[in-house]
Protein backbone atom coordinates (compact mmCIF):
# COMPACT_ATOMS: atom_id res chain seq x y z
CA MET A 1 0.00 0.00 0.00
CA SER A 2 1.27 3.49 -0.85
CA ASN A 3 1.80 6.19 1.76
CA ILE A 4 -1.03 8.23 0.21
CA SER A 5 -4.27 7.71 2.13
CA GLY A 6 -6.50 9.70 -0.13
CA ALA A 7 -7.15 12.80 -2.17
CA ILE A 8 -9.29 15.92 -2.06
CA PHE A 9 -11.29 16.80 -5.18
CA PRO A 10 -13.58 19.67 -6.13
CA ILE A 11 -17.17 18.98 -7.09
CA LEU A 12 -19.56 21.52 -8.57
CA PRO A 13 -22.47 22.41 -6.26
CA GLU A 14 -25.00 21.12 -8.82
CA ASN A 15 -23.44 17.63 -8.64
CA VAL A 16 -23.52 17.18 -4.87
CA LYS A 17 -27.05 15.75 -4.87
CA SER A 18 -26.38 13.12 -7.54
CA LEU A 19 -23.19 11.94 -5.86
CA PHE A 20 -24.42 11.77 -2.28
CA ASP A 21 -28.22 11.65 -2.33
CA GLU A 22 -28.78 9.64 -5.51
CA LYS A 23 -25.72 7.43 -4.84
CA LYS A 24 -24.22 7.86 -8.31
CA GLU A 25 -20.97 6.32 -7.09
CA ALA A 26 -18.80 6.56 -10.24
CA PHE A 27 -16.60 9.66 -9.98
CA VAL A 28 -14.76 10.51 -13.20
CA LYS A 29 -11.50 12.45 -13.63
CA PHE A 30 -8.97 13.01 -16.40
CA THR A 31 -6.08 12.14 -14.13
CA LYS A 32 -3.93 9.06 -13.62
CA PHE A 33 -4.08 8.13 -9.96
CA LEU A 34 -0.76 6.38 -9.66
CA ARG A 35 -0.75 6.28 -5.87
CA LEU A 36 -4.45 5.90 -5.11
CA GLU A 37 -5.80 2.40 -4.73
CA ARG A 38 -8.67 0.40 -3.32
CA GLY A 39 -9.43 1.61 0.18
CA SER A 40 -8.09 5.15 -0.40
CA LYS A 41 -10.32 7.92 0.91
CA ILE A 42 -11.68 10.64 -1.40
CA VAL A 43 -12.84 13.87 0.25
CA PHE A 44 -14.94 16.30 -1.80
CA TYR A 45 -15.14 20.07 -1.50
CA THR A 46 -17.15 22.85 -3.02
CA SER A 47 -16.90 26.60 -2.39
CA GLY A 48 -13.91 26.08 -0.07
CA LYS A 49 -15.71 23.65 2.25
CA LEU A 50 -15.30 19.91 2.71
CA ILE A 51 -18.74 18.45 2.08
CA GLY A 52 -18.37 14.67 2.08
CA GLU A 53 -16.27 11.60 1.42
CA GLY A 54 -16.16 8.13 -0.04
CA THR A 55 -13.80 5.15 -0.22
CA ILE A 56 -12.42 3.78 -3.47
CA GLU A 57 -13.73 0.31 -4.22
CA ARG A 58 -12.06 0.02 -7.62
CA ILE A 59 -10.42 2.12 -10.33
CA GLU A 60 -10.81 1.72 -14.09
CA ARG A 61 -9.31 3.72 -16.95
CA MET A 62 -10.79 3.75 -20.45
CA GLU A 63 -11.89 5.80 -23.44
CA PRO A 64 -14.59 8.34 -22.39
CA GLN A 65 -17.35 7.09 -24.73
CA THR A 66 -16.82 3.50 -23.56
CA ALA A 67 -17.03 4.66 -19.95
CA TRP A 68 -20.36 6.40 -20.59
CA ILE A 69 -21.83 3.39 -22.41
CA ARG A 70 -20.83 1.00 -19.62
CA TYR A 71 -21.46 3.15 -16.54
CA LYS A 72 -23.89 5.95 -17.41
CA SER A 73 -26.33 4.89 -14.70
CA GLN A 74 -23.55 5.14 -12.08
CA ILE A 75 -21.72 8.29 -13.22
CA PHE A 76 -22.56 11.33 -11.09
CA LEU A 77 -22.84 13.67 -14.10
CA THR A 78 -25.75 14.09 -16.52
CA LYS A 79 -25.11 13.23 -20.19
CA ASP A 80 -24.69 16.92 -21.13
CA GLN A 81 -22.35 17.56 -18.20
CA TYR A 82 -20.30 14.48 -19.06
CA ASP A 83 -20.05 15.39 -22.74
CA ASN A 84 -18.88 18.90 -21.80
CA TYR A 85 -16.44 17.51 -19.20
CA VAL A 86 -14.91 15.17 -21.79
CA VAL A 87 -14.17 18.11 -24.10
CA ARG A 88 -13.19 20.90 -21.66
CA SER A 89 -12.14 21.28 -18.02
CA PRO A 90 -14.92 22.97 -16.00
CA ILE A 91 -12.27 24.53 -13.72
CA SER A 92 -9.65 25.89 -16.15
CA GLY A 93 -11.74 25.94 -19.33
CA GLU A 94 -8.86 24.28 -21.16
CA GLU A 95 -9.53 21.80 -23.93
CA ARG A 96 -8.82 18.16 -23.02
CA ARG A 97 -5.80 16.42 -24.51
CA THR A 98 -6.05 13.16 -22.60
CA VAL A 99 -7.65 10.25 -24.41
CA ALA A 100 -8.55 8.13 -21.36
CA ILE A 101 -10.75 8.89 -18.38
CA THR A 102 -10.34 7.40 -14.91
CA ILE A 103 -13.40 6.15 -13.07
CA LEU A 104 -13.26 5.90 -9.30
CA PHE A 105 -16.00 3.58 -8.07
CA LEU A 106 -16.79 4.67 -4.54
CA LYS A 107 -18.43 3.01 -1.58
CA ARG A 108 -19.46 4.32 1.82
CA LEU A 109 -20.36 7.73 0.42
CA LYS A 110 -21.11 10.10 3.25
CA LYS A 111 -22.26 13.70 3.03
CA TYR A 112 -21.23 15.68 6.08
CA ASN A 113 -24.08 17.10 8.15
CA GLN A 114 -22.09 20.31 8.54
CA PRO A 115 -19.62 21.37 5.77
CA LEU A 116 -16.09 21.91 7.07
CA ARG A 117 -13.86 24.80 6.10
CA MET A 118 -10.79 23.57 4.19
CA PHE A 119 -7.41 23.75 5.89
CA TYR A 120 -5.31 21.77 3.41
CA SER A 121 -4.56 23.11 -0.06
CA THR A 122 -2.81 20.01 -1.39
CA ALA A 123 -4.65 17.51 -3.58
CA SER A 124 -3.23 14.46 -1.81
CA PHE A 125 -2.38 13.85 1.80
CA THR A 126 -0.47 11.32 3.85
CA HIS A 127 -2.04 8.92 6.31
CA ARG A 128 -0.76 11.09 9.17
CA ASN A 129 -2.42 14.23 7.76
CA LEU A 130 -5.63 12.30 7.10
CA GLN A 131 -5.63 11.04 10.70
CA ARG A 132 -5.05 14.60 11.97
CA LEU A 133 -7.88 15.87 9.76
CA ALA A 134 -10.12 13.05 10.90
CA SER A 135 -9.38 13.57 14.58
CA ASN A 136 -10.09 17.30 14.27
CA PHE A 137 -13.37 16.88 12.39
CA SER A 138 -14.52 13.29 12.97
CA LEU A 139 -14.33 12.43 9.25
CA LEU A 140 -13.45 8.74 9.58
C-alpha cells in the first residue's frame, strides 16, 4: 500500500445531490491516480468547504465514450455535463488532450451534516495528515 491515504477533489455544487443523495458512485476524472488504490479515501469540496467523502472500491481507466456506455447509470454527471467535461475542463476551461478517463467507483459515500472549512490546499495527503484531519473533524 502506498503512503497516500486519499485525495481531495472539487465537485460543482450542482453535482452534490447526484453523488451523495442519488448514490451515483462513479466519480470521473482526467487524471492518472498512480498512488491511489482500493481503500483510499476521497474527500470532496465545493466553495472552499469539505462536504463529504467516499472510499475507493475500484479504479478503471478507459476511453470516455466507452465509460459512458458502460457506466452511465452510475456516473454522477448528466449526459450533457459528461459530454462537456470530456471536451473541456470545468475549472480551467482548457480543452482536453487526454484520451482516457479514470473512473473511481466509490463506496461508503457520506455527506457531512455540517460542511467543514478547508485547511489543506494540497490535492493528496499522507495517512498522518488524514488522521489529523479526521481527529479534528470526525471524518473517519
